[in-house]
Amino acid sequence: MSIFDELAEHARLRFEDARMLPLEAYTSDEVLAAEQTAVFADAWTCVGRAADLPNPGDHLTAELPARGSEAQQRSIIVVRDATGSLVAHDNVCIHRGARLLDGCGHIERITCPYHAWSYRLDGTLIGAPYMRDPAAPDAVAFRPDGHRLVPIRIEEWEGFVFVTVDASASPLAPRLAGLTEVVGPFRMADYVPVHQQVDVWATNWKLLVENFMDAYHVFKVHQATFGQDGDSTLDTVVHPGTDDWAHHVVMPASGPDLLPEGDRRLDDGWRRAVVLAAVFPTHVMQLQADWLWYLQISPLGTDRVRIRWDVSVAPSVLAEQPDPDVYVADLLRLLNAVNAEDQPIVESIRRAAAGPQFPRGPLSYLERNVYDFDRYIARRLSR
């Protein structure tokens, strides 16, 4: 039986019968190649937050998983144009394919570093030096009109910026309507970015998504961080997911109010709640009344994953701090410690997946969101 036949069987499992994905799903180059087409080709991928690009000319670059037999990447540019709208383009000059920009920053226009072809922020070509042969008749002279960078579809959702390279992909927001009802009252689009970091872990990208959505491991792995004030497992409600997203909520019956008294955007228990959510396939986030932590996940192979993780803080919380820098530094120490607890575990699972086959035990009710994600993957790879 091929791995894709196994995945087809896995996709039909009820939650009561669910197990971890077949181990080859985490180790096979053939599976990774299939994911480029079946999972990523029409996916909406989060590349940042609108708050990262507040002014016309602010831009970022991002690498998207692309089609291919290996974990190839497609580079794009996201920029706020002169009208204040966010637009996205392929990060290659249409002349001969030179990469246009790196990183993030502010630009007035996009200029190719190879032959100086110059584009407006909206991607239209302004000029191309020395393209007109002085000896050629005017009728055949090169004109910039009609030339532009390849546009990429872009959509904002709750302050996040998503892109897709599939022109026929259905809009994202309607697919996330149920999740919007959960997270909308937090108004996370207003949260202030305070940190951005990129790490590479020696594991499969799916294991990282599964770990983030696993409500079962927190009481054990994160005793010294998230669990330092007590075990919140019995305060966790794991909701069944959809074909596009999944989430669970930790809502302690008692505990500190995470918001200043004057900030009334959330009621009662939601002021101390934690929402863990995934937008399939690669966007995961932890949202609280006081801060937001989210990960952008990109496979670099079957055993390497690029993680860009960002932290933002609610403006009212930041404003009440006597020293915001100290507050942010303490928060980053916490999240780096959480990562340090998770990393050796998810890396060890990848190593185990490449070793002798082991029986895959049943899932806890606290792993329902892991099942939701795995079913999404299995359905995509076996259809």
Protein backbone atom coordinates (compact mmCIF):
# COMPACT_ATOMS: atom_id res chain seq x y z
CA MET A 1 0.00 0.00 0.00
CA SER A 2 1.41 3.40 -0.97
CA ILE A 3 1.63 6.27 1.49
CA PHE A 4 -1.15 8.03 -0.43
CA ASP A 5 -3.41 4.99 -0.03
CA GLU A 6 -2.66 5.06 3.70
CA LEU A 7 -3.52 8.75 3.81
CA ALA A 8 -6.80 8.09 2.02
CA GLU A 9 -7.68 5.59 4.75
CA HIS A 10 -6.57 8.05 7.42
CA ALA A 11 -8.82 10.76 5.97
CA ARG A 12 -11.85 8.54 6.61
CA LEU A 13 -11.12 7.92 10.30
CA ARG A 14 -13.58 9.11 12.90
CA PHE A 15 -12.04 11.10 15.74
CA GLU A 16 -12.68 8.18 18.09
CA ASP A 17 -10.41 6.00 15.91
CA ALA A 18 -7.82 8.64 15.06
CA ARG A 19 -4.08 8.18 15.29
CA MET A 20 -1.01 10.14 14.29
CA LEU A 21 -0.52 10.40 10.52
CA PRO A 22 1.38 7.52 8.90
CA LEU A 23 5.03 8.12 9.74
CA GLU A 24 6.10 8.31 6.10
CA ALA A 25 3.98 11.47 5.80
CA TYR A 26 6.66 13.23 7.86
CA THR A 27 9.74 11.75 6.17
CA SER A 28 8.93 11.22 2.49
CA ASP A 29 10.29 13.53 -0.19
CA GLU A 30 7.44 12.27 -2.38
CA VAL A 31 4.90 13.50 0.17
CA LEU A 32 6.63 16.87 0.44
CA ALA A 33 6.57 17.23 -3.36
CA ALA A 34 2.86 16.36 -3.36
CA GLU A 35 2.24 18.97 -0.66
CA GLN A 36 3.60 21.68 -2.93
CA THR A 37 0.72 21.04 -5.32
CA ALA A 38 -2.04 19.61 -3.15
CA VAL A 39 -1.60 21.78 -0.04
CA PHE A 40 0.29 24.96 -0.87
CA ALA A 41 -0.51 25.72 -4.51
CA ASP A 42 -3.98 27.12 -3.76
CA ALA A 43 -3.46 28.00 -0.09
CA TRP A 44 -3.83 31.41 1.50
CA THR A 45 -0.54 32.04 3.32
CA CYS A 46 -0.05 34.62 6.07
CA VAL A 47 2.96 36.84 5.37
CA GLY A 48 2.61 39.44 8.12
CA ARG A 49 0.28 41.99 9.65
CA ALA A 50 -1.07 45.21 8.19
CA ALA A 51 0.42 46.97 11.22
CA ASP A 52 3.88 46.01 9.91
CA LEU A 53 3.27 48.30 6.89
CA PRO A 54 1.62 51.47 8.19
CA ASN A 55 2.79 53.96 5.53
CA PRO A 56 2.89 54.14 1.71
CA GLY A 57 6.21 52.66 0.60
CA ASP A 58 6.55 50.30 3.57
CA HIS A 59 7.24 46.81 2.27
CA LEU A 60 8.16 43.29 3.25
CA THR A 61 9.29 40.25 1.31
CA ALA A 62 8.15 36.71 1.97
CA GLU A 63 9.00 33.26 0.72
CA LEU A 64 6.07 31.02 -0.18
CA PRO A 65 6.23 27.26 -0.67
CA ALA A 66 6.09 26.63 -4.41
CA ARG A 67 5.53 23.73 -6.76
CA GLY A 68 8.44 21.39 -7.38
CA SER A 69 10.01 18.09 -6.50
CA GLU A 70 11.89 19.74 -3.65
CA ALA A 71 10.99 22.40 -1.09
CA GLN A 72 11.29 25.35 -3.44
CA GLN A 73 10.35 28.87 -2.46
CA ARG A 74 8.59 31.65 -4.38
CA SER A 75 9.56 35.15 -3.29
CA ILE A 76 6.97 37.92 -3.22
CA ILE A 77 6.78 41.60 -2.26
CA VAL A 78 3.97 43.10 -0.18
CA VAL A 79 3.88 46.90 -0.19
CA ARG A 80 1.51 49.67 0.81
CA ASP A 81 1.00 51.68 -2.36
CA ALA A 82 0.46 55.40 -2.87
CA THR A 83 -3.31 55.05 -2.32
CA GLY A 84 -2.78 53.37 1.05
CA SER A 85 -3.79 49.92 -0.19
CA LEU A 86 -1.74 46.79 0.34
CA VAL A 87 -0.65 45.08 -2.89
CA ALA A 88 1.57 42.11 -3.64
CA HIS A 89 3.85 41.24 -6.56
CA ASP A 90 6.27 38.52 -7.55
CA ASN A 91 9.71 39.54 -6.30
CA VAL A 92 11.37 39.24 -9.70
CA CYS A 93 11.92 41.78 -12.44
CA ILE A 94 9.87 40.97 -15.54
CA HIS A 95 12.86 41.82 -17.74
CA ARG A 96 15.23 38.95 -16.89
CA GLY A 97 14.18 37.69 -13.51
CA ALA A 98 16.53 39.46 -11.08
CA ARG A 99 15.37 39.49 -7.46
CA LEU A 100 14.12 42.99 -6.67
CA LEU A 101 14.04 43.41 -2.89
CA ASP A 102 15.16 41.71 0.31
CA GLY A 103 13.85 41.95 3.84
CA CYS A 104 11.59 44.82 4.80
CA GLY A 105 11.82 48.59 4.85
CA HIS A 106 10.62 51.69 3.04
CA ILE A 107 10.88 52.49 -0.66
CA GLU A 108 9.64 55.21 -3.00
CA ARG A 109 9.70 52.91 -6.01
CA ILE A 110 10.90 49.41 -6.89
CA THR A 111 14.10 49.44 -8.94
CA CYS A 112 15.76 46.36 -10.38
CA PRO A 113 19.38 46.04 -9.19
CA TYR A 114 20.42 44.50 -12.54
CA HIS A 115 19.30 46.87 -15.34
CA ALA A 116 17.48 49.56 -13.33
CA TRP A 117 14.00 48.88 -14.61
CA SER A 118 11.84 50.94 -12.29
CA TYR A 119 8.30 50.23 -11.07
CA ARG A 120 5.69 52.18 -9.16
CA LEU A 121 4.56 50.71 -5.85
CA ASP A 122 1.47 49.33 -7.61
CA GLY A 123 3.78 47.31 -9.89
CA THR A 124 3.42 49.30 -13.11
CA LEU A 125 6.62 49.96 -15.03
CA ILE A 126 7.79 53.58 -14.99
CA GLY A 127 10.91 53.34 -17.10
CA ALA A 128 13.62 51.12 -18.48
CA PRO A 129 16.91 52.85 -19.36
CA TYR A 130 18.56 52.28 -22.73
CA MET A 131 15.73 50.16 -24.07
CA ARG A 132 15.21 52.48 -27.01
CA ASP A 133 17.71 52.10 -29.84
CA PRO A 134 18.42 55.65 -31.14
CA ALA A 135 18.76 54.22 -34.64
CA ALA A 136 15.40 52.43 -34.55
CA PRO A 137 12.27 54.04 -35.97
CA ASP A 138 9.95 55.61 -33.40
CA ALA A 139 7.15 53.19 -34.31
CA VAL A 140 9.02 50.25 -32.80
CA ALA A 141 10.36 52.09 -29.74
CA PHE A 142 9.96 50.35 -26.37
CA ARG A 143 7.30 51.91 -24.14
CA PRO A 144 6.80 51.11 -20.45
CA ASP A 145 3.00 51.27 -20.76
CA GLY A 146 1.45 47.84 -20.50
CA HIS A 147 4.31 46.25 -18.55
CA ARG A 148 4.01 45.48 -14.85
CA LEU A 149 5.17 43.13 -12.12
CA VAL A 150 3.19 39.93 -11.81
CA PRO A 151 0.40 40.66 -9.30
CA ILE A 152 -0.31 38.30 -6.41
CA ARG A 153 -3.75 38.07 -4.80
CA ILE A 154 -3.85 39.58 -1.33
CA GLU A 155 -6.44 39.72 1.42
CA GLU A 156 -6.54 41.17 4.94
CA TRP A 157 -8.23 39.27 7.76
CA GLU A 158 -8.37 40.59 11.32
CA GLY A 159 -5.18 42.57 10.73
CA PHE A 160 -3.27 39.69 9.13
CA VAL A 161 -2.08 39.85 5.52
CA PHE A 162 -2.66 36.69 3.49
CA VAL A 163 -1.61 36.00 -0.11
CA THR A 164 -2.24 33.23 -2.60
CA VAL A 165 -0.67 32.45 -5.95
CA ASP A 166 -3.86 30.72 -7.12
CA ALA A 167 -6.01 33.11 -9.14
CA SER A 168 -9.02 30.82 -8.71
CA ALA A 169 -8.80 30.29 -4.93
CA SER A 170 -12.02 31.22 -3.14
CA PRO A 171 -11.85 34.33 -0.89
CA LEU A 172 -10.48 33.69 2.57
CA ALA A 173 -12.68 35.77 4.87
CA PRO A 174 -15.95 33.86 4.23
CA ARG A 175 -14.16 30.60 5.00
CA LEU A 176 -13.03 32.00 8.36
CA ALA A 177 -16.37 33.52 9.38
CA GLY A 178 -16.74 31.24 12.39
CA LEU A 179 -13.23 32.03 13.61
CA THR A 180 -13.89 35.74 13.12
CA GLU A 181 -16.78 35.47 15.59
CA VAL A 182 -14.35 34.08 18.17
CA VAL A 183 -11.41 36.46 17.73
CA GLY A 184 -13.16 39.60 16.45
CA PRO A 185 -13.93 41.08 19.89
CA PHE A 186 -10.21 41.07 20.74
CA ARG A 187 -9.59 43.69 18.00
CA MET A 188 -6.15 42.23 17.40
CA ALA A 189 -5.68 44.34 14.27
CA ASP A 190 -4.91 47.19 16.68
CA TYR A 191 -2.20 45.30 18.57
CA VAL A 192 1.23 46.93 18.33
CA PRO A 193 4.09 44.88 16.78
CA VAL A 194 7.02 44.62 19.21
CA HIS A 195 9.16 41.73 17.96
CA GLN A 196 9.92 39.56 14.95
CA GLN A 197 12.26 36.58 14.81
CA VAL A 198 13.17 33.78 12.40
CA ASP A 199 14.27 30.33 13.58
CA VAL A 200 14.93 27.03 11.81
CA TRP A 201 14.09 23.78 13.57
CA ALA A 202 15.11 20.24 12.59
CA THR A 203 11.61 18.84 12.23
CA ASN A 204 8.79 18.41 9.75
CA TRP A 205 6.52 21.41 9.28
CA LYS A 206 3.38 19.39 10.07
CA LEU A 207 4.76 18.33 13.45
CA LEU A 208 5.15 21.98 14.37
CA VAL A 209 1.55 22.84 13.43
CA GLU A 210 0.34 19.78 15.34
CA ASN A 211 2.34 20.78 18.40
CA PHE A 212 0.95 24.30 18.43
CA MET A 213 -2.62 22.97 18.25
CA ASP A 214 -2.03 20.20 20.81
CA ALA A 215 -3.78 21.11 24.08
CA TYR A 216 -2.62 17.84 25.63
CA HIS A 217 1.09 18.55 26.11
CA VAL A 218 0.89 21.89 27.92
CA PHE A 219 0.52 20.49 31.45
CA LYS A 220 3.69 18.43 31.01
CA VAL A 221 6.02 20.27 28.61
CA HIS A 222 5.24 23.81 29.77
CA GLN A 223 5.11 23.37 33.55
CA ALA A 224 7.82 26.00 34.05
CA THR A 225 6.30 28.60 31.68
CA PHE A 226 2.60 28.61 30.87
CA GLY A 227 1.96 26.25 33.78
CA GLN A 228 3.86 28.16 36.44
CA ASP A 229 0.59 29.42 37.98
CA GLY A 230 -1.12 26.03 37.83
CA ASP A 231 -2.48 23.43 35.42
CA SER A 232 -5.13 24.92 33.10
CA THR A 233 -5.96 21.66 31.31
CA LEU A 234 -9.43 21.35 32.83
CA ASP A 235 -10.15 24.95 31.78
CA THR A 236 -9.51 24.06 28.12
CA VAL A 237 -12.34 23.55 25.63
CA VAL A 238 -11.30 22.05 22.29
CA HIS A 239 -13.78 22.88 19.54
CA PRO A 240 -14.17 20.70 16.41
CA GLY A 241 -12.49 22.31 13.40
CA THR A 242 -13.55 22.91 9.82
CA ASP A 243 -11.83 22.28 6.49
CA ASP A 244 -10.06 25.65 6.87
CA TRP A 245 -9.37 26.30 10.55
CA ALA A 246 -9.47 24.93 14.09
CA HIS A 247 -9.25 26.37 17.59
CA HIS A 248 -9.41 25.75 21.31
CA VAL A 249 -9.92 28.11 24.21
CA VAL A 250 -8.43 28.17 27.71
CA MET A 251 -10.74 30.12 29.99
CA PRO A 252 -9.82 29.87 33.69
CA ALA A 253 -12.72 30.27 36.11
CA SER A 254 -10.55 32.66 38.09
CA GLY A 255 -7.28 34.46 37.62
CA PRO A 256 -5.84 37.85 36.77
CA ASP A 257 -7.66 40.29 34.51
CA LEU A 258 -5.29 40.78 31.56
CA LEU A 259 -6.63 44.23 30.67
CA PRO A 260 -6.52 47.67 32.28
CA GLU A 261 -9.80 48.73 33.85
CA GLY A 262 -10.48 51.27 31.11
CA ASP A 263 -10.25 48.71 28.30
CA ARG A 264 -13.75 47.19 28.05
CA ARG A 265 -13.57 45.48 24.65
CA LEU A 266 -13.92 42.01 26.22
CA ASP A 267 -16.43 40.71 28.75
CA ASP A 268 -15.95 38.61 31.87
CA GLY A 269 -13.95 35.42 31.26
CA TRP A 270 -12.72 36.53 27.84
CA ARG A 271 -10.54 39.12 29.61
CA ARG A 272 -8.37 36.25 30.92
CA ALA A 273 -8.92 33.76 28.10
CA VAL A 274 -6.34 32.32 25.70
CA VAL A 275 -7.33 31.35 22.14
CA LEU A 276 -5.11 28.93 20.20
CA ALA A 277 -6.06 28.87 16.51
CA ALA A 278 -4.78 27.59 13.19
CA VAL A 279 -5.68 28.77 9.71
CA PHE A 280 -4.70 25.82 7.53
CA PRO A 281 -2.15 25.03 6.40
CA THR A 282 0.62 27.11 7.99
CA HIS A 283 -0.72 29.94 10.18
CA VAL A 284 -0.99 29.43 13.94
CA MET A 285 -1.53 31.96 16.69
CA GLN A 286 -2.00 32.41 20.40
CA LEU A 287 -4.31 35.33 21.12
CA GLN A 288 -4.92 36.88 24.52
CA ALA A 289 -6.46 40.13 25.72
CA ASP A 290 -2.99 41.50 26.38
CA TRP A 291 -0.83 40.09 23.56
CA LEU A 292 -0.68 38.12 20.31
CA TRP A 293 1.90 35.53 19.29
CA TYR A 294 1.77 34.03 15.83
CA LEU A 295 3.92 31.79 13.65
CA GLN A 296 4.43 31.69 9.89
CA ILE A 297 5.61 28.18 9.02
CA SER A 298 7.44 27.18 5.83
CA PRO A 299 8.93 23.75 5.02
CA LEU A 300 12.59 23.72 4.00
CA GLY A 301 12.63 19.95 3.57
CA THR A 302 11.09 16.96 5.29
CA ASP A 303 13.27 17.60 8.35
CA ARG A 304 13.73 21.37 8.42
CA VAL A 305 11.18 24.13 8.95
CA ARG A 306 11.50 27.90 8.85
CA ILE A 307 9.57 29.67 11.60
CA ARG A 308 8.97 33.39 11.52
CA TRP A 309 7.32 34.31 14.79
CA ASP A 310 5.97 37.72 15.71
CA VAL A 311 4.68 39.28 18.91
CA SER A 312 2.26 42.20 19.25
CA VAL A 313 0.83 43.84 22.38
CA ALA A 314 -2.58 45.40 22.98
CA PRO A 315 -2.15 49.20 22.91
CA SER A 316 -3.89 49.73 26.26
CA VAL A 317 -1.58 47.19 27.92
CA LEU A 318 1.52 48.75 26.42
CA ALA A 319 0.40 52.23 27.45
CA GLU A 320 -0.01 51.29 31.12
CA GLN A 321 3.52 49.90 31.45
CA PRO A 322 5.92 52.10 33.46
CA ASP A 323 8.69 50.74 31.22
CA PRO A 324 7.37 49.14 28.00
CA ASP A 325 10.83 47.86 27.08
CA VAL A 326 11.03 45.84 30.29
CA TYR A 327 7.53 44.47 29.72
CA VAL A 328 8.41 43.36 26.18
CA ALA A 329 11.72 41.86 27.30
CA ASP A 330 9.92 39.80 29.97
CA LEU A 331 7.35 38.62 27.43
CA LEU A 332 10.05 37.57 24.97
CA ARG A 333 11.89 35.66 27.71
CA LEU A 334 8.68 33.75 28.36
CA LEU A 335 8.05 32.90 24.70
CA ASN A 336 11.67 31.95 24.03
CA ALA A 337 11.49 29.65 27.04
CA VAL A 338 8.28 28.10 25.66
CA ASN A 339 10.03 27.48 22.33
CA ALA A 340 12.99 25.96 24.15
CA GLU A 341 10.59 23.53 25.83
CA ASP A 342 8.88 22.55 22.56
CA GLN A 343 11.84 22.33 20.18
CA PRO A 344 13.58 19.20 21.50
CA ILE A 345 10.25 17.38 21.66
CA VAL A 346 9.11 18.06 18.09
CA GLU A 347 12.63 17.43 16.76
CA SER A 348 12.74 14.09 18.56
CA ILE A 349 9.40 13.08 17.02
CA ARG A 350 10.80 13.71 13.54
CA ARG A 351 13.79 11.49 14.33
CA ALA A 352 11.48 8.79 15.65
CA ALA A 353 9.38 8.97 12.47
CA ALA A 354 12.48 8.05 10.45
CA GLY A 355 13.29 5.07 12.68
CA PRO A 356 11.61 1.73 13.31
CA GLN A 357 7.83 1.81 12.96
CA PHE A 358 6.00 2.15 16.26
CA PRO A 359 2.34 1.67 17.12
CA ARG A 360 0.53 4.98 16.95
CA GLY A 361 -1.71 5.24 19.99
CA PRO A 362 -5.17 6.82 20.19
CA LEU A 363 -5.53 10.58 20.56
CA SER A 364 -6.72 12.37 23.68
CA TYR A 365 -9.84 14.53 23.51
CA LEU A 366 -7.39 17.41 23.98
CA GLU A 367 -5.84 16.55 20.58
CA ARG A 368 -9.03 17.12 18.61
CA ASN A 369 -7.44 20.05 16.73
CA VAL A 370 -4.48 17.83 15.81
CA TYR A 371 -6.99 15.43 14.26
CA ASP A 372 -8.65 18.34 12.41
CA PHE A 373 -5.33 19.39 10.89
CA ASP A 374 -4.23 15.85 10.07
CA ARG A 375 -7.57 15.13 8.38
CA TYR A 376 -7.13 18.29 6.31
CA ILE A 377 -3.68 17.11 5.20
CA ALA A 378 -4.81 13.53 4.53
CA ARG A 379 -7.77 14.70 2.45
CA ARG A 380 -5.62 17.06 0.41
CA LEU A 381 -2.97 14.45 -0.34
CA SER A 382 -5.36 11.66 -1.22
CA ARG A 383 -8.00 13.38 -3.36
